[in-house]
C-alpha cells in the first residue's frame, strides 16, 4: 500500500484548501482511508475517515461541518475539502489506511495505532 498526499499550503483564516491522497498498491474495498494531523508539540489526532466501499464517513467534532472527506474509486483518490479554516487547523496532515476485514477496525475507529499504512504528510498553515 502506498499513500501520497498533496495540496497543502498556506491560507488565511476563513479560507479553504483541498488535500488529495493518492492510494495505490492494493485493492481498497475493505479499507477505510483516513486523515490525521499533527501540530507542533502535539500528538497526532484523527480528522476524518471514509469507507472505500459504501463511502460512509466519520469526522472529529473539531472539524465537523467545516471539512468534507470524499473518495473517487476510479481514480483511487481520497480528498479532504477544508473550509472555514482556523489557525488551530495548522498541522501536518497525513493520509492513512486501515483494513476492516479480519480486524477490529470499524467506522468510528480513530486510533492511529489501528492504521497500518501512512503517507509522508503535507503541511497546512493557516494564518490569522
N, C-alpha and C. Protein backbone atom coordinates (compact mmCIF):
# COMPACT_ATOMS: atom_id res chain seq x y z
N UNK A 1 0.85 -1.19 0.00
CA UNK A 1 0.00 0.00 0.00
C UNK A 1 0.88 1.24 0.00
N UNK A 2 0.60 2.13 -0.93
CA UNK A 2 1.30 3.41 -0.96
C UNK A 2 0.28 4.53 -0.92
N UNK A 3 0.56 5.52 -0.10
CA UNK A 3 -0.30 6.68 0.05
C UNK A 3 0.55 7.93 -0.14
N UNK A 4 0.05 8.86 -0.91
CA UNK A 4 0.81 10.07 -1.18
C UNK A 4 -0.10 11.28 -1.13
N UNK A 5 0.18 12.20 -0.20
CA UNK A 5 -0.64 13.39 -0.03
C UNK A 5 -0.12 14.56 -0.86
N UNK A 6 -1.03 15.44 -1.20
CA UNK A 6 -0.68 16.69 -1.86
C UNK A 6 -1.75 17.72 -1.55
N UNK A 7 -1.47 18.97 -1.88
CA UNK A 7 -2.48 20.01 -1.74
C UNK A 7 -2.32 20.93 -0.55
N UNK A 8 -1.33 20.66 0.29
CA UNK A 8 -1.12 21.53 1.43
C UNK A 8 -0.62 22.90 0.99
N UNK A 9 -0.59 23.83 1.94
CA UNK A 9 -0.11 25.16 1.65
C UNK A 9 -0.45 26.11 2.76
N UNK A 10 -0.36 27.39 2.43
CA UNK A 10 -0.64 28.43 3.40
C UNK A 10 -1.88 29.19 2.97
N UNK A 11 -2.76 29.45 3.93
CA UNK A 11 -4.00 30.14 3.64
C UNK A 11 -4.38 31.01 4.83
N UNK A 12 -5.13 32.05 4.59
CA UNK A 12 -5.60 32.90 5.68
C UNK A 12 -6.80 32.27 6.37
N UNK A 13 -7.00 32.64 7.61
CA UNK A 13 -8.16 32.15 8.36
C UNK A 13 -9.45 32.46 7.58
N UNK A 14 -10.33 31.48 7.56
CA UNK A 14 -11.56 31.60 6.80
C UNK A 14 -11.47 31.05 5.40
N UNK A 15 -10.26 30.76 4.96
CA UNK A 15 -10.06 30.26 3.61
C UNK A 15 -10.27 28.76 3.50
N UNK A 16 -9.98 28.23 2.31
CA UNK A 16 -10.21 26.82 2.02
C UNK A 16 -8.98 26.20 1.36
N UNK A 17 -8.85 24.91 1.56
CA UNK A 17 -7.84 24.10 0.88
C UNK A 17 -8.44 22.73 0.62
N UNK A 18 -7.95 22.07 -0.43
CA UNK A 18 -8.35 20.68 -0.66
C UNK A 18 -7.10 19.82 -0.69
N UNK A 19 -7.06 18.86 0.19
CA UNK A 19 -5.96 17.90 0.21
C UNK A 19 -6.35 16.67 -0.60
N UNK A 20 -5.34 16.08 -1.23
CA UNK A 20 -5.56 14.86 -2.02
C UNK A 20 -4.65 13.76 -1.50
N UNK A 21 -5.16 12.54 -1.56
CA UNK A 21 -4.38 11.37 -1.18
C UNK A 21 -4.51 10.35 -2.31
N UNK A 22 -3.38 10.05 -2.95
CA UNK A 22 -3.35 9.04 -3.99
C UNK A 22 -3.03 7.70 -3.35
N UNK A 23 -3.93 6.74 -3.53
CA UNK A 23 -3.78 5.41 -2.93
C UNK A 23 -3.46 4.39 -4.00
N UNK A 24 -2.46 3.56 -3.79
CA UNK A 24 -2.08 2.58 -4.79
C UNK A 24 -1.48 1.34 -4.13
N UNK A 25 -1.29 0.32 -4.93
CA UNK A 25 -0.61 -0.87 -4.46
C UNK A 25 -1.50 -1.91 -3.83
N UNK A 26 -2.80 -1.69 -3.84
CA UNK A 26 -3.69 -2.65 -3.20
C UNK A 26 -5.12 -2.41 -3.65
N UNK A 27 -5.97 -3.39 -3.42
CA UNK A 27 -7.41 -3.20 -3.60
C UNK A 27 -7.98 -2.74 -2.28
N UNK A 28 -8.68 -1.61 -2.29
CA UNK A 28 -9.06 -0.98 -1.03
C UNK A 28 -10.50 -1.22 -0.63
N UNK A 29 -11.16 -2.19 -1.25
CA UNK A 29 -12.59 -2.40 -0.98
C UNK A 29 -12.91 -2.62 0.50
N UNK A 30 -12.01 -3.21 1.24
CA UNK A 30 -12.28 -3.49 2.66
C UNK A 30 -11.52 -2.56 3.59
N UNK A 31 -11.13 -1.41 3.08
CA UNK A 31 -10.35 -0.45 3.86
C UNK A 31 -11.17 0.79 4.20
N UNK A 32 -10.75 1.44 5.27
CA UNK A 32 -11.12 2.83 5.47
C UNK A 32 -9.86 3.66 5.26
N UNK A 33 -10.05 4.82 4.66
CA UNK A 33 -8.97 5.75 4.42
C UNK A 33 -9.23 6.99 5.27
N UNK A 34 -8.26 7.37 6.05
CA UNK A 34 -8.47 8.47 6.96
C UNK A 34 -7.45 9.58 6.81
N UNK A 35 -7.78 10.69 7.42
CA UNK A 35 -6.87 11.82 7.54
C UNK A 35 -6.60 12.08 9.02
N UNK A 36 -5.34 12.26 9.32
CA UNK A 36 -4.90 12.64 10.65
C UNK A 36 -4.08 13.93 10.52
N UNK A 37 -3.86 14.58 11.64
CA UNK A 37 -2.99 15.77 11.61
C UNK A 37 -2.17 15.84 12.89
N UNK A 38 -1.03 16.50 12.76
CA UNK A 38 -0.15 16.67 13.90
C UNK A 38 0.41 18.08 13.90
N UNK A 39 0.06 18.83 14.93
CA UNK A 39 0.57 20.18 15.10
C UNK A 39 1.87 20.13 15.90
N UNK A 40 2.70 21.14 15.78
CA UNK A 40 3.98 21.15 16.52
C UNK A 40 3.75 21.00 18.02
N UNK A 41 4.47 20.06 18.62
CA UNK A 41 4.39 19.86 20.05
C UNK A 41 3.16 19.11 20.51
N UNK A 42 2.35 18.63 19.58
CA UNK A 42 1.12 17.92 19.95
C UNK A 42 1.12 16.52 19.37
N UNK A 43 0.25 15.68 19.92
CA UNK A 43 0.12 14.33 19.41
C UNK A 43 -0.69 14.35 18.10
N UNK A 44 -0.47 13.31 17.32
CA UNK A 44 -1.25 13.19 16.09
C UNK A 44 -2.70 12.91 16.45
N UNK A 45 -3.62 13.56 15.74
CA UNK A 45 -5.03 13.40 16.05
C UNK A 45 -5.84 13.07 14.80
N UNK A 46 -6.90 12.34 15.02
CA UNK A 46 -7.80 11.94 13.95
C UNK A 46 -8.59 13.14 13.44
N UNK A 47 -8.80 13.18 12.12
CA UNK A 47 -9.59 14.24 11.50
C UNK A 47 -10.87 13.68 10.90
N UNK A 48 -10.74 12.71 10.01
CA UNK A 48 -11.91 12.14 9.32
C UNK A 48 -11.51 10.85 8.64
N UNK A 49 -12.49 9.99 8.36
CA UNK A 49 -12.20 8.84 7.50
C UNK A 49 -13.42 8.47 6.68
N UNK A 50 -13.18 7.65 5.68
CA UNK A 50 -14.22 7.24 4.75
C UNK A 50 -14.00 5.78 4.41
N UNK A 51 -15.09 5.03 4.34
CA UNK A 51 -15.01 3.64 3.91
C UNK A 51 -14.91 3.61 2.40
N UNK A 52 -13.93 2.87 1.89
CA UNK A 52 -13.76 2.82 0.44
C UNK A 52 -14.99 2.26 -0.26
N UNK A 53 -15.58 1.25 0.34
CA UNK A 53 -16.80 0.67 -0.19
C UNK A 53 -17.99 1.23 0.56
N UNK A 54 -18.85 1.94 -0.13
CA UNK A 54 -20.04 2.49 0.50
C UNK A 54 -19.91 3.95 0.90
N UNK A 55 -18.66 4.44 1.05
CA UNK A 55 -18.40 5.86 1.30
C UNK A 55 -18.97 6.38 2.61
N UNK A 56 -19.17 5.53 3.59
CA UNK A 56 -19.58 6.01 4.91
C UNK A 56 -18.46 6.85 5.50
N UNK A 57 -18.83 7.98 6.11
CA UNK A 57 -17.83 8.88 6.64
C UNK A 57 -17.96 9.06 8.15
N UNK A 58 -16.89 9.56 8.74
CA UNK A 58 -16.86 9.84 10.18
C UNK A 58 -15.89 10.98 10.39
N UNK A 59 -16.28 11.94 11.26
CA UNK A 59 -15.48 13.13 11.47
C UNK A 59 -15.19 13.37 12.95
N UNK A 60 -14.06 14.01 13.20
CA UNK A 60 -13.80 14.52 14.53
C UNK A 60 -14.72 15.71 14.78
N UNK A 61 -15.13 15.90 16.02
CA UNK A 61 -16.03 17.01 16.34
C UNK A 61 -15.42 18.36 15.95
N UNK A 62 -14.12 18.47 16.04
CA UNK A 62 -13.45 19.75 15.79
C UNK A 62 -13.54 20.21 14.33
N UNK A 63 -13.83 19.28 13.42
CA UNK A 63 -13.88 19.65 12.00
C UNK A 63 -15.25 19.44 11.39
N UNK A 64 -16.17 18.86 12.15
CA UNK A 64 -17.49 18.56 11.63
C UNK A 64 -18.17 19.85 11.16
N UNK A 65 -18.72 19.80 9.96
CA UNK A 65 -19.39 20.97 9.39
C UNK A 65 -18.46 21.88 8.61
N UNK A 66 -17.15 21.70 8.76
CA UNK A 66 -16.18 22.52 8.02
C UNK A 66 -15.40 21.70 7.00
N UNK A 67 -15.10 20.47 7.33
CA UNK A 67 -14.32 19.59 6.45
C UNK A 67 -15.22 18.53 5.84
N UNK A 68 -14.90 18.13 4.61
CA UNK A 68 -15.64 17.06 3.95
C UNK A 68 -14.64 16.09 3.33
N UNK A 69 -14.81 14.81 3.63
CA UNK A 69 -13.96 13.78 3.05
C UNK A 69 -14.75 13.07 1.96
N UNK A 70 -14.07 12.75 0.86
CA UNK A 70 -14.70 12.06 -0.25
C UNK A 70 -13.67 11.18 -0.93
N UNK A 71 -14.16 10.19 -1.69
CA UNK A 71 -13.22 9.35 -2.43
C UNK A 71 -13.70 9.16 -3.85
N UNK A 72 -12.76 8.94 -4.73
CA UNK A 72 -13.02 8.66 -6.14
C UNK A 72 -12.39 7.30 -6.41
N UNK A 73 -13.22 6.27 -6.46
CA UNK A 73 -12.67 4.92 -6.61
C UNK A 73 -12.04 4.72 -7.98
N UNK A 74 -12.56 5.37 -9.00
CA UNK A 74 -12.00 5.21 -10.35
C UNK A 74 -10.58 5.76 -10.42
N UNK A 75 -10.35 6.87 -9.73
CA UNK A 75 -9.03 7.49 -9.73
C UNK A 75 -8.18 7.04 -8.56
N UNK A 76 -8.77 6.25 -7.65
CA UNK A 76 -8.08 5.79 -6.44
C UNK A 76 -7.55 6.96 -5.63
N UNK A 77 -8.44 7.93 -5.40
CA UNK A 77 -8.07 9.14 -4.68
C UNK A 77 -9.03 9.37 -3.51
N UNK A 78 -8.49 9.96 -2.46
CA UNK A 78 -9.31 10.42 -1.34
C UNK A 78 -9.01 11.90 -1.14
N UNK A 79 -10.06 12.67 -0.92
CA UNK A 79 -9.92 14.12 -0.80
C UNK A 79 -10.39 14.60 0.57
N UNK A 80 -9.79 15.67 1.01
CA UNK A 80 -10.27 16.34 2.22
C UNK A 80 -10.46 17.81 1.87
N UNK A 81 -11.71 18.20 1.72
CA UNK A 81 -12.04 19.60 1.46
C UNK A 81 -12.15 20.31 2.80
N UNK A 82 -11.34 21.33 2.99
CA UNK A 82 -11.29 22.04 4.27
C UNK A 82 -11.75 23.48 4.05
N UNK A 83 -12.86 23.83 4.65
CA UNK A 83 -13.41 25.18 4.56
C UNK A 83 -13.38 25.86 5.93
N UNK A 84 -13.55 27.16 5.91
CA UNK A 84 -13.58 27.94 7.16
C UNK A 84 -12.38 27.60 8.05
N UNK A 85 -11.22 27.59 7.45
CA UNK A 85 -10.02 27.19 8.18
C UNK A 85 -9.68 28.16 9.29
N UNK A 86 -9.12 27.61 10.36
CA UNK A 86 -8.75 28.38 11.54
C UNK A 86 -7.25 28.20 11.81
N UNK A 87 -6.64 29.13 12.49
CA UNK A 87 -5.22 28.95 12.83
C UNK A 87 -4.94 27.63 13.56
N UNK A 88 -5.88 27.17 14.35
CA UNK A 88 -5.66 25.92 15.08
C UNK A 88 -5.73 24.68 14.18
N UNK A 89 -6.09 24.86 12.92
CA UNK A 89 -6.03 23.75 11.96
C UNK A 89 -4.62 23.56 11.40
N UNK A 90 -3.72 24.47 11.72
CA UNK A 90 -2.35 24.36 11.26
C UNK A 90 -1.70 23.08 11.76
N UNK A 91 -1.18 22.29 10.83
CA UNK A 91 -0.60 20.99 11.18
C UNK A 91 -0.05 20.34 9.92
N UNK A 92 0.67 19.25 10.12
CA UNK A 92 1.00 18.35 9.03
C UNK A 92 -0.16 17.36 8.94
N UNK A 93 -0.72 17.22 7.76
CA UNK A 93 -1.85 16.34 7.54
C UNK A 93 -1.38 15.05 6.86
N UNK A 94 -1.81 13.92 7.41
CA UNK A 94 -1.41 12.62 6.93
C UNK A 94 -2.62 11.83 6.44
N UNK A 95 -2.43 11.12 5.37
CA UNK A 95 -3.39 10.15 4.87
C UNK A 95 -3.00 8.78 5.43
N UNK A 96 -3.98 7.99 5.84
CA UNK A 96 -3.68 6.69 6.43
C UNK A 96 -4.75 5.68 6.02
N UNK A 97 -4.37 4.42 5.98
CA UNK A 97 -5.29 3.36 5.58
C UNK A 97 -5.33 2.26 6.63
N UNK A 98 -6.55 1.75 6.87
CA UNK A 98 -6.73 0.66 7.82
C UNK A 98 -7.66 -0.38 7.20
N UNK A 99 -7.28 -1.65 7.30
CA UNK A 99 -8.11 -2.71 6.75
C UNK A 99 -9.20 -3.09 7.75
N UNK A 100 -10.44 -3.18 7.26
CA UNK A 100 -11.55 -3.51 8.13
C UNK A 100 -11.75 -5.02 8.24
N UNK A 101 -11.63 -5.73 7.14
CA UNK A 101 -11.90 -7.17 7.17
C UNK A 101 -10.85 -7.89 8.00
N UNK A 102 -11.30 -8.80 8.88
CA UNK A 102 -10.37 -9.57 9.69
C UNK A 102 -9.70 -8.77 10.78
N UNK A 103 -10.25 -7.58 11.09
CA UNK A 103 -9.66 -6.76 12.15
C UNK A 103 -10.78 -6.13 12.96
N UNK A 104 -10.42 -5.38 13.98
CA UNK A 104 -11.42 -4.70 14.80
C UNK A 104 -11.70 -3.29 14.30
N UNK A 105 -11.13 -2.94 13.18
CA UNK A 105 -11.33 -1.61 12.62
C UNK A 105 -12.75 -1.49 12.10
N UNK A 106 -13.41 -0.41 12.46
CA UNK A 106 -14.77 -0.13 12.04
C UNK A 106 -14.92 1.35 11.77
N UNK A 107 -16.05 1.73 11.19
CA UNK A 107 -16.38 3.15 11.08
C UNK A 107 -16.40 3.71 12.50
N UNK A 108 -15.64 4.78 12.70
CA UNK A 108 -15.52 5.33 14.04
C UNK A 108 -14.22 4.98 14.73
N UNK A 109 -13.39 4.16 14.08
CA UNK A 109 -12.08 3.83 14.64
C UNK A 109 -11.16 5.02 14.42
N UNK A 110 -10.74 5.65 15.49
CA UNK A 110 -9.96 6.88 15.38
C UNK A 110 -8.53 6.75 15.89
N UNK A 111 -8.20 5.61 16.47
CA UNK A 111 -6.85 5.44 17.00
C UNK A 111 -5.85 5.29 15.86
N UNK A 112 -4.79 6.06 15.88
CA UNK A 112 -3.78 6.00 14.83
C UNK A 112 -3.12 4.62 14.81
N UNK A 113 -3.14 3.91 15.93
CA UNK A 113 -2.46 2.63 16.02
C UNK A 113 -3.18 1.54 15.23
N UNK A 114 -4.41 1.78 14.83
CA UNK A 114 -5.16 0.82 14.03
C UNK A 114 -4.89 0.99 12.55
N UNK A 115 -4.20 2.04 12.18
CA UNK A 115 -3.93 2.33 10.77
C UNK A 115 -2.51 1.87 10.44
N UNK A 116 -2.42 0.94 9.51
CA UNK A 116 -1.13 0.32 9.24
C UNK A 116 -0.33 0.95 8.13
N UNK A 117 -0.94 1.88 7.40
CA UNK A 117 -0.27 2.46 6.25
C UNK A 117 -0.42 3.97 6.29
N UNK A 118 0.69 4.67 6.02
CA UNK A 118 0.71 6.13 6.14
C UNK A 118 1.43 6.78 4.97
N UNK A 119 0.96 7.97 4.63
CA UNK A 119 1.68 8.79 3.68
C UNK A 119 2.73 9.62 4.38
N UNK A 120 3.40 10.47 3.61
CA UNK A 120 4.51 11.24 4.14
C UNK A 120 4.06 12.55 4.79
N UNK A 121 2.84 12.96 4.53
CA UNK A 121 2.30 14.17 5.14
C UNK A 121 2.43 15.39 4.25
N UNK A 122 1.53 16.35 4.47
CA UNK A 122 1.58 17.62 3.76
C UNK A 122 1.24 18.73 4.75
N UNK A 123 1.98 19.82 4.68
CA UNK A 123 1.85 20.90 5.64
C UNK A 123 0.70 21.82 5.28
N UNK A 124 -0.12 22.13 6.27
CA UNK A 124 -1.18 23.13 6.14
C UNK A 124 -0.93 24.20 7.18
N UNK A 125 -0.84 25.43 6.72
CA UNK A 125 -0.61 26.55 7.64
C UNK A 125 -1.72 27.58 7.44
N UNK A 126 -2.39 27.92 8.53
CA UNK A 126 -3.49 28.88 8.49
C UNK A 126 -3.08 30.10 9.30
N UNK A 127 -2.99 31.23 8.65
CA UNK A 127 -2.57 32.46 9.32
C UNK A 127 -3.78 33.25 9.78
N UNK A 128 -3.62 33.96 10.86
CA UNK A 128 -4.73 34.74 11.42
C UNK A 128 -4.76 36.15 10.86
